[in-house]
Amino acid sequence: MKYLAPLMRDMPEAISVRTGILSGISTYAISYQNMEEALVISAKVAPRIKDFDQTFDIIRDTVRMADRAGVKVNPSWSYRRWLEEHDHLSWDVARKSYSETKFTKDCVFTQDGYTFTLLTSG
């Protein structure tokens, strides 16, 4: 709601939009709210100029995921720490989205010196 309130104030016609769509709009509100901060941080921590775009994506995603998870981020983190936090939060999101229950039996076979393992869960 904290993201929808400013959106409703700035765009009152949004009140007539279906709830599910409003939820999606709030995701963009989070992104835009944090975009300026992510740009500045990316400019500071990108290892090389050519890495800026990727760094920006990582930091923006990390800020978004951390915000949803209620986790605090530190703008002073190094590039490496941003990568670690991004990976950690991504795994948390994936764990919540996928069951560890296997959907088939284990299947491993070897041919011509290569071992193949069938994926059995998310």
PDB file of N, CA and C in Angstrom:
ATOM      1  N   MET A   1       0.812  -1.197   0.000  1.00  0.00           N
ATOM      2  CA  MET A   1       0.000   0.000   0.000  1.00  0.00           C
ATOM      3  C   MET A   1       0.859   1.266   0.000  1.00  0.00           C
ATOM      4  N   LYS A   2       2.027   1.201   0.636  1.00  0.00           N
ATOM      5  CA  LYS A   2       2.838   2.415   0.706  1.00  0.00           C
ATOM      6  C   LYS A   2       3.285   2.877  -0.675  1.00  0.00           C
ATOM      7  N   TYR A   3       3.295   1.959  -1.662  1.00  0.00           N
ATOM      8  CA  TYR A   3       3.664   2.330  -3.026  1.00  0.00           C
ATOM      9  C   TYR A   3       2.443   2.749  -3.832  1.00  0.00           C
ATOM     10  N   LEU A   4       1.305   2.194  -3.476  1.00  0.00           N
ATOM     11  CA  LEU A   4       0.093   2.536  -4.210  1.00  0.00           C
ATOM     12  C   LEU A   4      -0.440   3.914  -3.830  1.00  0.00           C
ATOM     13  N   ALA A   5      -0.275   4.306  -2.576  1.00  0.00           N
ATOM     14  CA  ALA A   5      -0.814   5.588  -2.122  1.00  0.00           C
ATOM     15  C   ALA A   5      -0.282   6.766  -2.945  1.00  0.00           C
ATOM     16  N   PRO A   6       1.039   6.893  -3.129  1.00  0.00           N
ATOM     17  CA  PRO A   6       1.526   8.002  -3.959  1.00  0.00           C
ATOM     18  C   PRO A   6       1.053   7.891  -5.406  1.00  0.00           C
ATOM     19  N   LEU A   7       0.941   6.662  -5.891  1.00  0.00           N
ATOM     20  CA  LEU A   7       0.466   6.447  -7.254  1.00  0.00           C
ATOM     21  C   LEU A   7      -0.969   6.953  -7.393  1.00  0.00           C
ATOM     22  N   MET A   8      -1.808   6.631  -6.414  1.00  0.00           N
ATOM     23  CA  MET A   8      -3.207   7.069  -6.438  1.00  0.00           C
ATOM     24  C   MET A   8      -3.300   8.599  -6.342  1.00  0.00           C
ATOM     25  N   ARG A   9      -2.408   9.184  -5.542  1.00  0.00           N
ATOM     26  CA  ARG A   9      -2.418  10.637  -5.392  1.00  0.00           C
ATOM     27  C   ARG A   9      -2.050  11.311  -6.713  1.00  0.00           C
ATOM     28  N   ASP A  10      -1.028  10.764  -7.387  1.00  0.00           N
ATOM     29  CA  ASP A  10      -0.546  11.373  -8.619  1.00  0.00           C
ATOM     30  C   ASP A  10      -1.378  10.995  -9.841  1.00  0.00           C
ATOM     31  N   MET A  11      -2.105   9.882  -9.744  1.00  0.00           N
ATOM     32  CA  MET A  11      -2.875   9.407 -10.881  1.00  0.00           C
ATOM     33  C   MET A  11      -4.221   8.858 -10.381  1.00  0.00           C
ATOM     34  N   PRO A  12      -5.169   9.738 -10.019  1.00  0.00           N
ATOM     35  CA  PRO A  12      -6.423   9.293  -9.418  1.00  0.00           C
ATOM     36  C   PRO A  12      -7.238   8.346 -10.298  1.00  0.00           C
ATOM     37  N   GLU A  13      -7.045   8.396 -11.610  1.00  0.00           N
ATOM     38  CA  GLU A  13      -7.793   7.486 -12.488  1.00  0.00           C
ATOM     39  C   GLU A  13      -7.410   6.033 -12.265  1.00  0.00           C
ATOM     40  N   ALA A  14      -6.295   5.796 -11.585  1.00  0.00           N
ATOM     41  CA  ALA A  14      -5.857   4.423 -11.317  1.00  0.00           C
ATOM     42  C   ALA A  14      -6.803   3.701 -10.370  1.00  0.00           C
ATOM     43  N   ILE A  15      -7.619   4.460  -9.639  1.00  0.00           N
ATOM     44  CA  ILE A  15      -8.535   3.835  -8.678  1.00  0.00           C
ATOM     45  C   ILE A  15      -9.548   2.921  -9.368  1.00  0.00           C
ATOM     46  N   SER A  16      -9.808   3.162 -10.653  1.00  0.00           N
ATOM     47  CA  SER A  16     -10.793   2.347 -11.365  1.00  0.00           C
ATOM     48  C   SER A  16     -10.163   1.101 -11.998  1.00  0.00           C
ATOM     49  N   VAL A  17      -8.869   0.899 -11.792  1.00  0.00           N
ATOM     50  CA  VAL A  17      -8.164  -0.245 -12.369  1.00  0.00           C
ATOM     51  C   VAL A  17      -8.357  -1.463 -11.471  1.00  0.00           C
ATOM     52  N   ARG A  18      -8.467  -2.640 -12.085  1.00  0.00           N
ATOM     53  CA  ARG A  18      -8.658  -3.872 -11.317  1.00  0.00           C
ATOM     54  C   ARG A  18      -7.496  -4.096 -10.349  1.00  0.00           C
ATOM     55  N   THR A  19      -7.783  -4.723  -9.227  1.00  0.00           N
ATOM     56  CA  THR A  19      -6.810  -4.941  -8.162  1.00  0.00           C
ATOM     57  C   THR A  19      -5.561  -5.676  -8.625  1.00  0.00           C
ATOM     58  N   GLY A  20      -5.715  -6.745  -9.414  1.00  0.00           N
ATOM     59  CA  GLY A  20      -4.561  -7.494  -9.878  1.00  0.00           C
ATOM     60  C   GLY A  20      -3.602  -6.648 -10.684  1.00  0.00           C
ATOM     61  N   ILE A  21      -4.161  -5.756 -11.479  1.00  0.00           N
ATOM     62  CA  ILE A  21      -3.325  -4.865 -12.288  1.00  0.00           C
ATOM     63  C   ILE A  21      -2.654  -3.835 -11.391  1.00  0.00           C
ATOM     64  N   LEU A  22      -3.379  -3.366 -10.388  1.00  0.00           N
ATOM     65  CA  LEU A  22      -2.784  -2.415  -9.443  1.00  0.00           C
ATOM     66  C   LEU A  22      -1.573  -3.023  -8.756  1.00  0.00           C
ATOM     67  N   SER A  23      -1.656  -4.300  -8.459  1.00  0.00           N
ATOM     68  CA  SER A  23      -0.533  -4.987  -7.847  1.00  0.00           C
ATOM     69  C   SER A  23       0.684  -4.913  -8.772  1.00  0.00           C
ATOM     70  N   GLY A  24       0.471  -5.146 -10.055  1.00  0.00           N
ATOM     71  CA  GLY A  24       1.547  -5.046 -11.032  1.00  0.00           C
ATOM     72  C   GLY A  24       2.080  -3.638 -11.135  1.00  0.00           C
ATOM     73  N   ILE A  25       1.181  -2.664 -11.096  1.00  0.00           N
ATOM     74  CA  ILE A  25       1.594  -1.261 -11.165  1.00  0.00           C
ATOM     75  C   ILE A  25       2.456  -0.912  -9.963  1.00  0.00           C
ATOM     76  N   SER A  26       2.113  -1.461  -8.788  1.00  0.00           N
ATOM     77  CA  SER A  26       2.896  -1.144  -7.590  1.00  0.00           C
ATOM     78  C   SER A  26       4.324  -1.650  -7.733  1.00  0.00           C
ATOM     79  N   THR A  27       4.523  -2.745  -8.485  1.00  0.00           N
ATOM     80  CA  THR A  27       5.874  -3.244  -8.743  1.00  0.00           C
ATOM     81  C   THR A  27       6.672  -2.198  -9.510  1.00  0.00           C
ATOM     82  N   TYR A  28       6.033  -1.561 -10.504  1.00  0.00           N
ATOM     83  CA  TYR A  28       6.716  -0.503 -11.246  1.00  0.00           C
ATOM     84  C   TYR A  28       6.985   0.699 -10.352  1.00  0.00           C
ATOM     85  N   ALA A  29       6.056   0.984  -9.455  1.00  0.00           N
ATOM     86  CA  ALA A  29       6.251   2.106  -8.540  1.00  0.00           C
ATOM     87  C   ALA A  29       7.486   1.865  -7.685  1.00  0.00           C
ATOM     88  N   ILE A  30       7.668   0.619  -7.218  1.00  0.00           N
ATOM     89  CA  ILE A  30       8.858   0.279  -6.444  1.00  0.00           C
ATOM     90  C   ILE A  30      10.094   0.495  -7.307  1.00  0.00           C
ATOM     91  N   SER A  31      10.042   0.008  -8.537  1.00  0.00           N
ATOM     92  CA  SER A  31      11.194   0.124  -9.434  1.00  0.00           C
ATOM     93  C   SER A  31      11.561   1.571  -9.686  1.00  0.00           C
ATOM     94  N   TYR A  32      10.563   2.402  -9.986  1.00  0.00           N
ATOM     95  CA  TYR A  32      10.856   3.801 -10.286  1.00  0.00           C
ATOM     96  C   TYR A  32      11.338   4.545  -9.060  1.00  0.00           C
ATOM     97  N   GLN A  33      10.771   4.200  -7.913  1.00  0.00           N
ATOM     98  CA  GLN A  33      11.181   4.856  -6.684  1.00  0.00           C
ATOM     99  C   GLN A  33      12.657   4.584  -6.398  1.00  0.00           C
ATOM    100  N   ASN A  34      13.110   3.367  -6.668  1.00  0.00           N
ATOM    101  CA  ASN A  34      14.473   2.988  -6.348  1.00  0.00           C
ATOM    102  C   ASN A  34      15.446   3.166  -7.514  1.00  0.00           C
ATOM    103  N   MET A  35      14.928   3.548  -8.682  1.00  0.00           N
ATOM    104  CA  MET A  35      15.772   3.624  -9.864  1.00  0.00           C
ATOM    105  C   MET A  35      16.871   4.679  -9.730  1.00  0.00           C
ATOM    106  N   GLU A  36      16.514   5.834  -9.207  1.00  0.00           N
ATOM    107  CA  GLU A  36      17.499   6.899  -9.069  1.00  0.00           C
ATOM    108  C   GLU A  36      18.639   6.476  -8.143  1.00  0.00           C
ATOM    109  N   GLU A  37      18.270   5.868  -7.015  1.00  0.00           N
ATOM    110  CA  GLU A  37      19.279   5.395  -6.072  1.00  0.00           C
ATOM    111  C   GLU A  37      20.150   4.312  -6.722  1.00  0.00           C
ATOM    112  N   ALA A  38      19.528   3.396  -7.447  1.00  0.00           N
ATOM    113  CA  ALA A  38      20.263   2.320  -8.099  1.00  0.00           C
ATOM    114  C   ALA A  38      21.230   2.875  -9.148  1.00  0.00           C
ATOM    115  N   LEU A  39      20.816   3.916  -9.870  1.00  0.00           N
ATOM    116  CA  LEU A  39      21.697   4.535 -10.872  1.00  0.00           C
ATOM    117  C   LEU A  39      22.956   5.099 -10.223  1.00  0.00           C
ATOM    118  N   VAL A  40      22.773   5.808  -9.124  1.00  0.00           N
ATOM    119  CA  VAL A  40      23.916   6.430  -8.443  1.00  0.00           C
ATOM    120  C   VAL A  40      24.846   5.366  -7.888  1.00  0.00           C
ATOM    121  N   ILE A  41      24.268   4.352  -7.230  1.00  0.00           N
ATOM    122  CA  ILE A  41      25.091   3.283  -6.663  1.00  0.00           C
ATOM    123  C   ILE A  41      25.842   2.552  -7.775  1.00  0.00           C
ATOM    124  N   SER A  42      25.146   2.262  -8.870  1.00  0.00           N
ATOM    125  CA  SER A  42      25.769   1.551  -9.996  1.00  0.00           C
ATOM    126  C   SER A  42      26.943   2.336 -10.554  1.00  0.00           C
ATOM    127  N   ALA A  43      26.771   3.637 -10.657  1.00  0.00           N
ATOM    128  CA  ALA A  43      27.845   4.479 -11.179  1.00  0.00           C
ATOM    129  C   ALA A  43      29.072   4.416 -10.279  1.00  0.00           C
ATOM    130  N   LYS A  44      28.845   4.235  -8.976  1.00  0.00           N
ATOM    131  CA  LYS A  44      29.958   4.182  -8.032  1.00  0.00           C
ATOM    132  C   LYS A  44      30.646   2.823  -8.002  1.00  0.00           C
ATOM    133  N   VAL A  45      29.864   1.740  -8.118  1.00  0.00           N
ATOM    134  CA  VAL A  45      30.455   0.419  -7.872  1.00  0.00           C
ATOM    135  C   VAL A  45      30.730  -0.415  -9.122  1.00  0.00           C
ATOM    136  N   ALA A  46      30.263   0.014 -10.280  1.00  0.00           N
ATOM    137  CA  ALA A  46      30.502  -0.775 -11.500  1.00  0.00           C
ATOM    138  C   ALA A  46      32.013  -0.945 -11.691  1.00  0.00           C
ATOM    139  N   PRO A  47      32.470  -2.192 -11.873  1.00  0.00           N
ATOM    140  CA  PRO A  47      33.915  -2.429 -12.000  1.00  0.00           C
ATOM    141  C   PRO A  47      34.540  -1.691 -13.183  1.00  0.00           C
ATOM    142  N   ARG A  48      33.825  -1.673 -14.315  1.00  0.00           N
ATOM    143  CA  ARG A  48      34.298  -0.981 -15.517  1.00  0.00           C
ATOM    144  C   ARG A  48      33.111  -0.246 -16.136  1.00  0.00           C
ATOM    145  N   ILE A  49      33.385   0.714 -16.965  1.00  0.00           N
ATOM    146  CA  ILE A  49      32.313   1.474 -17.612  1.00  0.00           C
ATOM    147  C   ILE A  49      31.389   0.543 -18.373  1.00  0.00           C
ATOM    148  N   LYS A  50      31.962  -0.436 -19.075  1.00  0.00           N
ATOM    149  CA  LYS A  50      31.120  -1.325 -19.872  1.00  0.00           C
ATOM    150  C   LYS A  50      30.254  -2.244 -19.008  1.00  0.00           C
ATOM    151  N   ASP A  51      30.532  -2.337 -17.711  1.00  0.00           N
ATOM    152  CA  ASP A  51      29.740  -3.160 -16.797  1.00  0.00           C
ATOM    153  C   ASP A  51      28.588  -2.396 -16.155  1.00  0.00           C
ATOM    154  N   PHE A  52      28.459  -1.111 -16.477  1.00  0.00           N
ATOM    155  CA  PHE A  52      27.461  -0.289 -15.806  1.00  0.00           C
ATOM    156  C   PHE A  52      26.041  -0.834 -15.969  1.00  0.00           C
ATOM    157  N   ASP A  53      25.644  -1.182 -17.198  1.00  0.00           N
ATOM    158  CA  ASP A  53      24.264  -1.647 -17.420  1.00  0.00           C
ATOM    159  C   ASP A  53      23.942  -2.885 -16.596  1.00  0.00           C
ATOM    160  N   GLN A  54      24.850  -3.848 -16.602  1.00  0.00           N
ATOM    161  CA  GLN A  54      24.630  -5.071 -15.833  1.00  0.00           C
ATOM    162  C   GLN A  54      24.617  -4.768 -14.334  1.00  0.00           C
ATOM    163  N   THR A  55      25.510  -3.908 -13.897  1.00  0.00           N
ATOM    164  CA  THR A  55      25.561  -3.521 -12.486  1.00  0.00           C
ATOM    165  C   THR A  55      24.260  -2.856 -12.073  1.00  0.00           C
ATOM    166  N   PHE A  56      23.754  -1.979 -12.920  1.00  0.00           N
ATOM    167  CA  PHE A  56      22.488  -1.305 -12.630  1.00  0.00           C
ATOM    168  C   PHE A  56      21.357  -2.323 -12.479  1.00  0.00           C
ATOM    169  N   ASP A  57      21.289  -3.297 -13.391  1.00  0.00           N
ATOM    170  CA  ASP A  57      20.237  -4.323 -13.307  1.00  0.00           C
ATOM    171  C   ASP A  57      20.337  -5.108 -12.008  1.00  0.00           C
ATOM    172  N   ILE A  58      21.552  -5.463 -11.627  1.00  0.00           N
ATOM    173  CA  ILE A  58      21.759  -6.237 -10.402  1.00  0.00           C
ATOM    174  C   ILE A  58      21.333  -5.429  -9.179  1.00  0.00           C
ATOM    175  N   ILE A  59      21.748  -4.190  -9.118  1.00  0.00           N
ATOM    176  CA  ILE A  59      21.427  -3.360  -7.954  1.00  0.00           C
ATOM    177  C   ILE A  59      19.935  -3.051  -7.899  1.00  0.00           C
ATOM    178  N   ARG A  60      19.335  -2.718  -9.031  1.00  0.00           N
ATOM    179  CA  ARG A  60      17.893  -2.441  -9.061  1.00  0.00           C
ATOM    180  C   ARG A  60      17.100  -3.666  -8.612  1.00  0.00           C
ATOM    181  N   ASP A  61      17.465  -4.839  -9.124  1.00  0.00           N
ATOM    182  CA  ASP A  61      16.772  -6.065  -8.736  1.00  0.00           C
ATOM    183  C   ASP A  61      16.972  -6.374  -7.257  1.00  0.00           C
ATOM    184  N   THR A  62      18.187  -6.177  -6.774  1.00  0.00           N
ATOM    185  CA  THR A  62      18.476  -6.440  -5.369  1.00  0.00           C
ATOM    186  C   THR A  62      17.653  -5.533  -4.471  1.00  0.00           C
ATOM    187  N   VAL A  63      17.589  -4.259  -4.805  1.00  0.00           N
ATOM    188  CA  VAL A  63      16.805  -3.307  -4.011  1.00  0.00           C
ATOM    189  C   VAL A  63      15.331  -3.702  -4.027  1.00  0.00           C
ATOM    190  N   ARG A  64      14.817  -4.079  -5.196  1.00  0.00           N
ATOM    191  CA  ARG A  64      13.411  -4.479  -5.314  1.00  0.00           C
ATOM    192  C   ARG A  64      13.123  -5.722  -4.482  1.00  0.00           C
ATOM    193  N   MET A  65      13.970  -6.755  -4.614  1.00  0.00           N
ATOM    194  CA  MET A  65      13.749  -7.995  -3.865  1.00  0.00           C
ATOM    195  C   MET A  65      13.900  -7.765  -2.363  1.00  0.00           C
ATOM    196  N   ALA A  66      14.885  -6.970  -1.977  1.00  0.00           N
ATOM    197  CA  ALA A  66      15.102  -6.678  -0.557  1.00  0.00           C
ATOM    198  C   ALA A  66      13.912  -5.925   0.020  1.00  0.00           C
ATOM    199  N   ASP A  67      13.375  -4.993  -0.752  1.00  0.00           N
ATOM    200  CA  ASP A  67      12.223  -4.226  -0.301  1.00  0.00           C
ATOM    201  C   ASP A  67      11.030  -5.145  -0.057  1.00  0.00           C
ATOM    202  N   ARG A  68      10.794  -6.055  -0.978  1.00  0.00           N
ATOM    203  CA  ARG A  68       9.679  -7.000  -0.831  1.00  0.00           C
ATOM    204  C   ARG A  68       9.884  -7.945   0.342  1.00  0.00           C
ATOM    205  N   ALA A  69      11.153  -8.298   0.608  1.00  0.00           N
ATOM    206  CA  ALA A  69      11.456  -9.242   1.689  1.00  0.00           C
ATOM    207  C   ALA A  69      11.608  -8.547   3.038  1.00  0.00           C
ATOM    208  N   GLY A  70      11.573  -7.209   3.023  1.00  0.00           N
ATOM    209  CA  GLY A  70      11.737  -6.462   4.266  1.00  0.00           C
ATOM    210  C   GLY A  70      13.178  -6.451   4.764  1.00  0.00           C
ATOM    211  N   VAL A  71      14.114  -6.581   3.834  1.00  0.00           N
ATOM    212  CA  VAL A  71      15.542  -6.614   4.159  1.00  0.00           C
ATOM    213  C   VAL A  71      16.148  -5.257   3.827  1.00  0.00           C
ATOM    214  N   LYS A  72      17.031  -4.785   4.680  1.00  0.00           N
ATOM    215  CA  LYS A  72      17.702  -3.502   4.446  1.00  0.00           C
ATOM    216  C   LYS A  72      18.924  -3.700   3.545  1.00  0.00           C
ATOM    217  N   VAL A  73      19.135  -2.771   2.632  1.00  0.00           N
ATOM    218  CA  VAL A  73      20.342  -2.769   1.816  1.00  0.00           C
ATOM    219  C   VAL A  73      21.222  -1.612   2.258  1.00  0.00           C
ATOM    220  N   ASN A  74      22.499  -1.736   2.000  1.00  0.00           N
ATOM    221  CA  ASN A  74      23.455  -0.704   2.368  1.00  0.00           C
ATOM    222  C   ASN A  74      24.040  -0.115   1.094  1.00  0.00           C
ATOM    223  N   PRO A  75      23.761   1.139   0.791  1.00  0.00           N
ATOM    224  CA  PRO A  75      24.279   1.756  -0.440  1.00  0.00           C
ATOM    225  C   PRO A  75      25.808   1.750  -0.532  1.00  0.00           C
ATOM    226  N   SER A  76      26.489   1.518   0.579  1.00  0.00           N
ATOM    227  CA  SER A  76      27.953   1.517   0.590  1.00  0.00           C
ATOM    228  C   SER A  76      28.556   0.154   0.276  1.00  0.00           C
ATOM    229  N   TRP A  77      27.733  -0.855   0.007  1.00  0.00           N
ATOM    230  CA  TRP A  77      28.258  -2.181  -0.315  1.00  0.00           C
ATOM    231  C   TRP A  77      29.146  -2.119  -1.547  1.00  0.00           C
ATOM    232  N   SER A  78      30.096  -3.032  -1.597  1.00  0.00           N
ATOM    233  CA  SER A  78      30.957  -3.168  -2.767  1.00  0.00           C
ATOM    234  C   SER A  78      30.199  -3.895  -3.871  1.00  0.00           C
ATOM    235  N   TYR A  79      30.748  -3.888  -5.055  1.00  0.00           N
ATOM    236  CA  TYR A  79      30.136  -4.607  -6.182  1.00  0.00           C
ATOM    237  C   TYR A  79      29.953  -6.082  -5.832  1.00  0.00           C
ATOM    238  N   ARG A  80      30.982  -6.666  -5.242  1.00  0.00           N
ATOM    239  CA  ARG A  80      30.923  -8.088  -4.876  1.00  0.00           C
ATOM    240  C   ARG A  80      29.802  -8.363  -3.882  1.00  0.00           C
ATOM    241  N   ARG A  81      29.632  -7.477  -2.909  1.00  0.00           N
ATOM    242  CA  ARG A  81      28.572  -7.665  -1.909  1.00  0.00           C
ATOM    243  C   ARG A  81      27.203  -7.547  -2.560  1.00  0.00           C
ATOM    244  N   TRP A  82      27.023  -6.628  -3.521  1.00  0.00           N
ATOM    245  CA  TRP A  82      25.749  -6.510  -4.236  1.00  0.00           C
ATOM    246  C   TRP A  82      25.435  -7.809  -4.969  1.00  0.00           C
ATOM    247  N   LEU A  83      26.452  -8.399  -5.608  1.00  0.00           N
ATOM    248  CA  LEU A  83      26.259  -9.678  -6.298  1.00  0.00           C
ATOM    249  C   LEU A  83      25.833 -10.766  -5.318  1.00  0.00           C
ATOM    250  N   GLU A  84      26.512 -10.823  -4.166  1.00  0.00           N
ATOM    251  CA  GLU A  84      26.174 -11.833  -3.159  1.00  0.00           C
ATOM    252  C   GLU A  84      24.741 -11.658  -2.657  1.00  0.00           C
ATOM    253  N   GLU A  85      24.360 -10.440  -2.355  1.00  0.00           N
ATOM    254  CA  GLU A  85      23.000 -10.177  -1.865  1.00  0.00           C
ATOM    255  C   GLU A  85      21.963 -10.502  -2.936  1.00  0.00           C
ATOM    256  N   HIS A  86      22.272 -10.160  -4.192  1.00  0.00           N
ATOM    257  CA  HIS A  86      21.364 -10.459  -5.300  1.00  0.00           C
ATOM    258  C   HIS A  86      21.153 -11.965  -5.405  1.00  0.00           C
ATOM    259  N   ASP A  87      22.243 -12.731  -5.357  1.00  0.00           N
ATOM    260  CA  ASP A  87      22.140 -14.189  -5.444  1.00  0.00           C
ATOM    261  C   ASP A  87      21.358 -14.758  -4.266  1.00  0.00           C
ATOM    262  N   HIS A  88      21.651 -14.258  -3.074  1.00  0.00           N
ATOM    263  CA  HIS A  88      20.965 -14.736  -1.866  1.00  0.00           C
ATOM    264  C   HIS A  88      19.456 -14.481  -1.955  1.00  0.00           C
ATOM    265  N   LEU A  89      19.090 -13.262  -2.323  1.00  0.00           N
ATOM    266  CA  LEU A  89      17.663 -12.918  -2.420  1.00  0.00           C
ATOM    267  C   LEU A  89      16.989 -13.678  -3.563  1.00  0.00           C
ATOM    268  N   SER A  90      17.696 -13.883  -4.663  1.00  0.00           N
ATOM    269  CA  SER A  90      17.139 -14.644  -5.783  1.00  0.00           C
ATOM    270  C   SER A  90      16.828 -16.071  -5.355  1.00  0.00           C
ATOM    271  N   TRP A  91      17.749 -16.671  -4.603  1.00  0.00           N
ATOM    272  CA  TRP A  91      17.513 -18.035  -4.112  1.00  0.00           C
ATOM    273  C   TRP A  91      16.319 -18.065  -3.169  1.00  0.00           C
ATOM    274  N   ASP A  92      16.182 -17.037  -2.329  1.00  0.00           N
ATOM    275  CA  ASP A  92      15.025 -16.976  -1.423  1.00  0.00           C
ATOM    276  C   ASP A  92      13.722 -16.934  -2.204  1.00  0.00           C
ATOM    277  N   VAL A  93      13.684 -16.121  -3.250  1.00  0.00           N
ATOM    278  CA  VAL A  93      12.488 -16.021  -4.090  1.00  0.00           C
ATOM    279  C   VAL A  93      12.207 -17.367  -4.754  1.00  0.00           C
ATOM    280  N   ALA A  94      13.250 -17.997  -5.283  1.00  0.00           N
ATOM    281  CA  ALA A  94      13.085 -19.288  -5.954  1.00  0.00           C
ATOM    282  C   ALA A  94      12.593 -20.353  -4.981  1.00  0.00           C
ATOM    283  N   ARG A  95      13.138 -20.361  -3.760  1.00  0.00           N
ATOM    284  CA  ARG A  95      12.712 -21.352  -2.773  1.00  0.00           C
ATOM    285  C   ARG A  95      11.237 -21.204  -2.430  1.00  0.00           C
ATOM    286  N   LYS A  96      10.754 -19.980  -2.418  1.00  0.00           N
ATOM    287  CA  LYS A  96       9.337 -19.751  -2.109  1.00  0.00           C
ATOM    288  C   LYS A  96       8.449 -20.131  -3.288  1.00  0.00           C
ATOM    289  N   SER A  97       8.995 -20.098  -4.490  1.00  0.00           N
ATOM    290  CA  SER A  97       8.212 -20.362  -5.693  1.00  0.00           C
ATOM    291  C   SER A  97       8.167 -21.825  -6.083  1.00  0.00           C
ATOM    292  N   TYR A  98       9.174 -22.587  -5.684  1.00  0.00           N
ATOM    293  CA  TYR A  98       9.271 -23.971  -6.138  1.00  0.00           C
ATOM    294  C   TYR A  98       9.275 -24.933  -4.965  1.00  0.00           C
ATOM    295  N   SER A  99       8.644 -26.053  -5.166  1.00  0.00           N
ATOM    296  CA  SER A  99       8.624 -27.105  -4.170  1.00  0.00           C
ATOM    297  C   SER A  99       9.846 -27.995  -4.368  1.00  0.00           C
ATOM    298  N   GLU A 100      10.379 -28.516  -3.290  1.00  0.00           N
ATOM    299  CA  GLU A 100      11.490 -29.451  -3.407  1.00  0.00           C
ATOM    300  C   GLU A 100      10.992 -30.874  -3.638  1.00  0.00           C
ATOM    301  N   THR A 101       9.682 -31.035  -3.687  1.00  0.00           N
ATOM    302  CA  THR A 101       9.105 -32.345  -3.946  1.00  0.00           C
ATOM    303  C   THR A 101       9.476 -32.781  -5.357  1.00  0.00           C
ATOM    304  N   LYS A 102       9.975 -34.003  -5.454  1.00  0.00           N
ATOM    305  CA  LYS A 102      10.376 -34.512  -6.762  1.00  0.00           C
ATOM    306  C   LYS A 102       9.143 -34.828  -7.601  1.00  0.00           C
ATOM    307  N   PHE A 103       9.220 -34.517  -8.885  1.00  0.00           N
ATOM    308  CA  PHE A 103       8.098 -34.794  -9.776  1.00  0.00           C
ATOM    309  C   PHE A 103       8.316 -36.046 -10.610  1.00  0.00           C
ATOM    310  N   THR A 104       9.462 -36.704 -10.430  1.00  0.00           N
ATOM    311  CA  THR A 104       9.737 -37.974 -11.098  1.00  0.00           C
ATOM    312  C   THR A 104      10.838 -38.697 -10.337  1.00  0.00           C
ATOM    313  N   LYS A 105      11.056 -39.954 -10.675  1.00  0.00           N
ATOM    314  CA  LYS A 105      12.106 -40.729 -10.016  1.00  0.00           C
ATOM    315  C   LYS A 105      13.478 -40.262 -10.492  1.00  0.00           C
ATOM    316  N   ASP A 106      14.478 -40.510  -9.656  1.00  0.00           N
ATOM    317  CA  ASP A 106      15.849 -40.195 -10.054  1.00  0.00           C
ATOM    318  C   ASP A 106      16.240 -41.031 -11.267  1.00  0.00           C
ATOM    319  N   CYS A 107      16.972 -40.417 -12.173  1.00  0.00           N
ATOM    320  CA  CYS A 107      17.404 -41.124 -13.369  1.00  0.00           C
ATOM    321  C   CYS A 107      18.793 -40.613 -13.742  1.00  0.00           C
ATOM    322  N   VAL A 108      19.777 -41.483 -13.662  1.00  0.00           N
ATOM    323  CA  VAL A 108      21.155 -41.135 -14.003  1.00  0.00           C
ATOM    324  C   VAL A 108      21.667 -42.199 -14.967  1.00  0.00           C
ATOM    325  N   PHE A 109      22.279 -41.770 -16.067  1.00  0.00           N
ATOM    326  CA  PHE A 109      22.895 -42.745 -16.959  1.00  0.00           C
ATOM    327  C   PHE A 109      24.175 -42.172 -17.544  1.00  0.00           C
ATOM    328  N   THR A 110      25.052 -43.071 -17.946  1.00  0.00           N
ATOM    329  CA  THR A 110      26.353 -42.687 -18.488  1.00  0.00           C
ATOM    330  C   THR A 110      26.487 -43.244 -19.896  1.00  0.00           C
ATOM    331  N   GLN A 111      27.014 -42.392 -20.780  1.00  0.00           N
ATOM    332  CA  GLN A 111      27.245 -42.826 -22.159  1.00  0.00           C
ATOM    333  C   GLN A 111      28.459 -42.090 -22.695  1.00  0.00           C
ATOM    334  N   ASP A 112      29.359 -42.813 -23.312  1.00  0.00           N
ATOM    335  CA  ASP A 112      30.568 -42.246 -23.918  1.00  0.00           C
ATOM    336  C   ASP A 112      31.363 -41.377 -22.943  1.00  0.00           C
ATOM    337  N   GLY A 113      31.413 -41.773 -21.694  1.00  0.00           N
ATOM    338  CA  GLY A 113      32.184 -41.038 -20.700  1.00  0.00           C
ATOM    339  C   GLY A 113      31.462 -39.841 -20.100  1.00  0.00           C
ATOM    340  N   TYR A 114      30.231 -39.572 -20.510  1.00  0.00           N
ATOM    341  CA  TYR A 114      29.437 -38.474 -19.967  1.00  0.00           C
ATOM    342  C   TYR A 114      28.353 -39.032 -19.062  1.00  0.00           C
ATOM    343  N   THR A 115      28.097 -38.362 -17.953  1.00  0.00           N
ATOM    344  CA  THR A 115      27.036 -38.760 -17.030  1.00  0.00           C
ATOM    345  C   THR A 115      25.890 -37.765 -17.155  1.00  0.00           C
ATOM    346  N   PHE A 116      24.694 -38.269 -17.338  1.00  0.00           N
ATOM    347  CA  PHE A 116      23.498 -37.450 -17.470  1.00  0.00           C
ATOM    348  C   PHE A 116      22.587 -37.700 -16.274  1.00  0.00           C
ATOM    349  N   THR A 117      22.089 -36.606 -15.696  1.00  0.00           N
ATOM    350  CA  THR A 117      21.182 -36.705 -14.564  1.00  0.00           C
ATOM    351  C   THR A 117      19.908 -35.951 -14.908  1.00  0.00           C
ATOM    352  N   LEU A 118      18.792 -36.638 -14.864  1.00  0.00           N
ATOM    353  CA  LEU A 118      17.504 -36.029 -15.150  1.00  0.00           C
ATOM    354  C   LEU A 118      17.105 -35.110 -14.002  1.00  0.00           C
ATOM    355  N   LEU A 119      16.671 -33.920 -14.332  1.00  0.00           N
ATOM    356  CA  LEU A 119      16.170 -33.017 -13.293  1.00  0.00           C
ATOM    357  C   LEU A 119      14.877 -33.572 -12.739  1.00  0.00           C
ATOM    358  N   THR A 120      14.746 -33.574 -11.431  1.00  0.00           N
ATOM    359  CA  THR A 120      13.588 -34.197 -10.811  1.00  0.00           C
ATOM    360  C   THR A 120      12.750 -33.255  -9.949  1.00  0.00           C
ATOM    361  N   SER A 121      13.183 -32.023  -9.797  1.00  0.00           N
ATOM    362  CA  SER A 121      12.416 -31.042  -9.003  1.00  0.00           C
ATOM    363  C   SER A 121      12.754 -29.638  -9.473  1.00  0.00           C
ATOM    364  N   GLY A 122      11.966 -28.696  -8.997  1.00  0.00           N
ATOM    365  CA  GLY A 122      12.207 -27.298  -9.358  1.00  0.00           C
ATOM    366  C   GLY A 122      13.540 -26.811  -8.879  1.00  0.00           C
TER     367      GLY A 122
END
